Amino acid sequence: MTKFVIIIATIVLLFNLSGCARESETFVIGVSQCSEDLWRETVNREIKREASFRSNMEVIIKSVKDDSEQQIKDIEQFIEEGIDLLIVAPNEATALTPVVSKAYKSGIPVILLDRRILNEDYTAYVGADN
C-alpha cells in the first residue's frame, strides 16, 4: 500500500507542475503498462482520476500483456506523438532500456513504475529498493 501512495503522490506532484503551463495547452501523459492485473488497473484508474481534475490533461494508457516488442512499439509511438510525460513499467529491462533512454534523451520526463531499466536514463523510479 505504501508503494501505491508514493506512486499517486508522485503523479499528483507532476500534475501540479503541469499546471504551470498555459491552460490552453494539453499536457499528455503516456502510460505503458507491462501487464494487466488488479494493482496495475488500480494505478491506471487513479492516474485517470487525478487527470480528470484538470481540463488541460489527457492520459493515454496502453498495456502490452507481457509483450516487450509491443511495448517498444507503443513507447516509440508515444515519442512520435510528442507526449509530455512517460510513465512506464518495463516488461523486460534489457529489451526496454534503449527505447526508454530514447524517450528520456528526447526531453520527455520518464517515471519508471515498479521495474527498473539497465541505466539511469529516467527522471524518477517508484518501486521497491531491492
Protein backbone atom coordinates (compact mmCIF):
# COMPACT_ATOMS: atom_id res chain seq x y z
CA MET A 1 0.00 0.00 0.00
CA THR A 2 2.88 2.39 0.75
CA LYS A 3 4.24 1.96 -2.78
CA PHE A 4 0.81 2.83 -4.18
CA VAL A 5 0.64 6.00 -2.07
CA ILE A 6 4.11 7.05 -3.27
CA ILE A 7 3.10 6.49 -6.88
CA ILE A 8 -0.03 8.57 -6.54
CA ALA A 9 1.84 11.33 -4.66
CA THR A 10 4.47 11.48 -7.41
CA ILE A 11 1.82 11.67 -10.11
CA VAL A 12 -0.10 14.38 -8.25
CA LEU A 13 3.13 16.39 -7.91
CA LEU A 14 3.76 16.12 -11.64
CA PHE A 15 0.16 17.10 -12.38
CA ASN A 16 0.61 20.18 -10.23
CA LEU A 17 3.82 21.07 -12.04
CA SER A 18 1.99 20.75 -15.33
CA GLY A 19 -0.37 23.44 -14.08
CA CYS A 20 2.45 25.92 -14.62
CA ALA A 21 1.85 25.62 -18.37
CA ARG A 22 -0.74 27.76 -20.11
CA GLU A 23 -4.27 26.46 -19.68
CA SER A 24 -4.81 26.25 -23.44
CA GLU A 25 -2.07 23.64 -23.86
CA THR A 26 -2.92 19.98 -23.40
CA PHE A 27 -0.50 18.03 -21.21
CA VAL A 28 -0.37 14.45 -22.50
CA ILE A 29 0.73 11.56 -20.30
CA GLY A 30 1.56 8.24 -21.92
CA VAL A 31 1.32 5.22 -19.62
CA SER A 32 2.88 1.96 -20.78
CA GLN A 33 1.98 -0.96 -18.54
CA CYS A 34 3.79 -4.28 -18.97
CA SER A 35 0.79 -6.37 -17.96
CA GLU A 36 -2.72 -6.26 -16.61
CA ASP A 37 -3.52 -7.13 -13.02
CA LEU A 38 -5.59 -5.65 -10.22
CA TRP A 39 -2.74 -3.49 -8.88
CA ARG A 40 -1.95 -2.00 -12.30
CA GLU A 41 -5.63 -1.46 -13.05
CA THR A 42 -5.92 0.45 -9.78
CA VAL A 43 -2.89 2.60 -10.63
CA ASN A 44 -4.33 3.32 -14.09
CA ARG A 45 -7.69 4.27 -12.60
CA GLU A 46 -6.05 6.65 -10.09
CA ILE A 47 -3.93 8.30 -12.80
CA LYS A 48 -7.08 8.89 -14.86
CA ARG A 49 -8.94 10.19 -11.80
CA GLU A 50 -6.22 12.72 -10.98
CA ALA A 51 -6.09 13.85 -14.61
CA SER A 52 -9.86 14.35 -14.64
CA PHE A 53 -9.43 17.27 -12.22
CA ARG A 54 -7.55 19.21 -14.90
CA SER A 55 -9.20 20.38 -18.07
CA ASN A 56 -5.91 20.50 -19.97
CA MET A 57 -4.71 16.95 -19.29
CA GLU A 58 -5.00 13.80 -21.39
CA VAL A 59 -3.91 10.30 -20.33
CA ILE A 60 -3.25 7.54 -22.85
CA ILE A 61 -2.84 4.09 -21.27
CA LYS A 62 -1.51 1.08 -23.15
CA SER A 63 -0.99 -2.39 -21.71
CA VAL A 64 1.01 -5.00 -23.59
CA LYS A 65 0.23 -8.21 -21.71
CA ASP A 66 3.91 -9.16 -21.23
CA ASP A 67 4.91 -8.46 -24.86
CA SER A 68 8.17 -6.47 -24.88
CA GLU A 69 8.14 -5.91 -28.65
CA GLN A 70 4.67 -4.37 -28.46
CA GLN A 71 5.71 -2.22 -25.52
CA ILE A 72 8.67 -0.90 -27.53
CA LYS A 73 6.32 -0.04 -30.43
CA ASP A 74 3.89 1.70 -28.07
CA ILE A 75 6.64 3.82 -26.50
CA GLU A 76 8.03 4.68 -29.95
CA GLN A 77 4.53 5.86 -30.89
CA PHE A 78 4.31 7.95 -27.70
CA ILE A 79 7.63 9.60 -28.60
CA GLU A 80 6.44 10.34 -32.15
CA GLU A 81 3.20 11.82 -30.81
CA GLY A 82 5.18 14.18 -28.58
CA ILE A 83 3.79 13.20 -25.19
CA ASP A 84 4.76 15.39 -22.22
CA LEU A 85 5.37 12.61 -19.67
CA LEU A 86 6.01 8.87 -19.94
CA ILE A 87 5.09 6.52 -17.11
CA VAL A 88 6.38 3.04 -17.88
CA ALA A 89 6.52 -0.34 -16.15
CA PRO A 90 9.10 -2.10 -18.34
CA ASN A 91 8.26 -5.70 -19.18
CA GLU A 92 11.96 -6.61 -19.53
CA ALA A 93 14.83 -4.31 -18.57
CA THR A 94 17.18 -5.42 -21.35
CA ALA A 95 14.63 -5.05 -24.14
CA LEU A 96 13.11 -1.77 -22.94
CA THR A 97 16.24 0.15 -21.90
CA PRO A 98 17.03 1.55 -25.39
CA VAL A 99 13.54 2.92 -26.09
CA VAL A 100 13.11 4.34 -22.58
CA SER A 101 16.52 6.01 -22.95
CA LYS A 102 15.42 7.40 -26.31
CA ALA A 103 12.33 8.97 -24.71
CA TYR A 104 14.38 10.45 -21.87
CA LYS A 105 17.09 11.81 -24.17
CA SER A 106 14.44 13.40 -26.38
CA GLY A 107 13.36 15.54 -23.42
CA ILE A 108 10.38 13.54 -22.18
CA PRO A 109 10.35 13.09 -18.38
CA VAL A 110 10.21 9.36 -17.62
CA ILE A 111 8.81 7.75 -14.47
CA LEU A 112 9.68 4.07 -14.08
CA LEU A 113 6.93 2.24 -12.28
CA ASP A 114 7.70 -0.88 -10.25
CA ARG A 115 10.56 -2.07 -12.51
CA ARG A 116 13.92 -0.53 -13.43
CA ILE A 117 15.88 -0.36 -16.68
CA LEU A 118 19.63 -1.01 -17.10
CA ASN A 119 20.82 2.61 -17.00
CA GLU A 120 19.99 5.92 -15.33
CA ASP A 121 18.10 7.49 -18.26
CA TYR A 122 14.91 8.28 -16.35
CA THR A 123 13.55 11.08 -14.20
CA ALA A 124 12.15 9.07 -11.29
CA TYR A 125 11.68 5.50 -10.14
CA VAL A 126 8.74 4.48 -7.97
CA GLY A 127 9.05 0.96 -6.59
CA ALA A 128 10.92 -1.33 -4.27
CA ASP A 129 14.60 -0.81 -3.48
CA ASN A 130 15.82 -4.41 -3.70
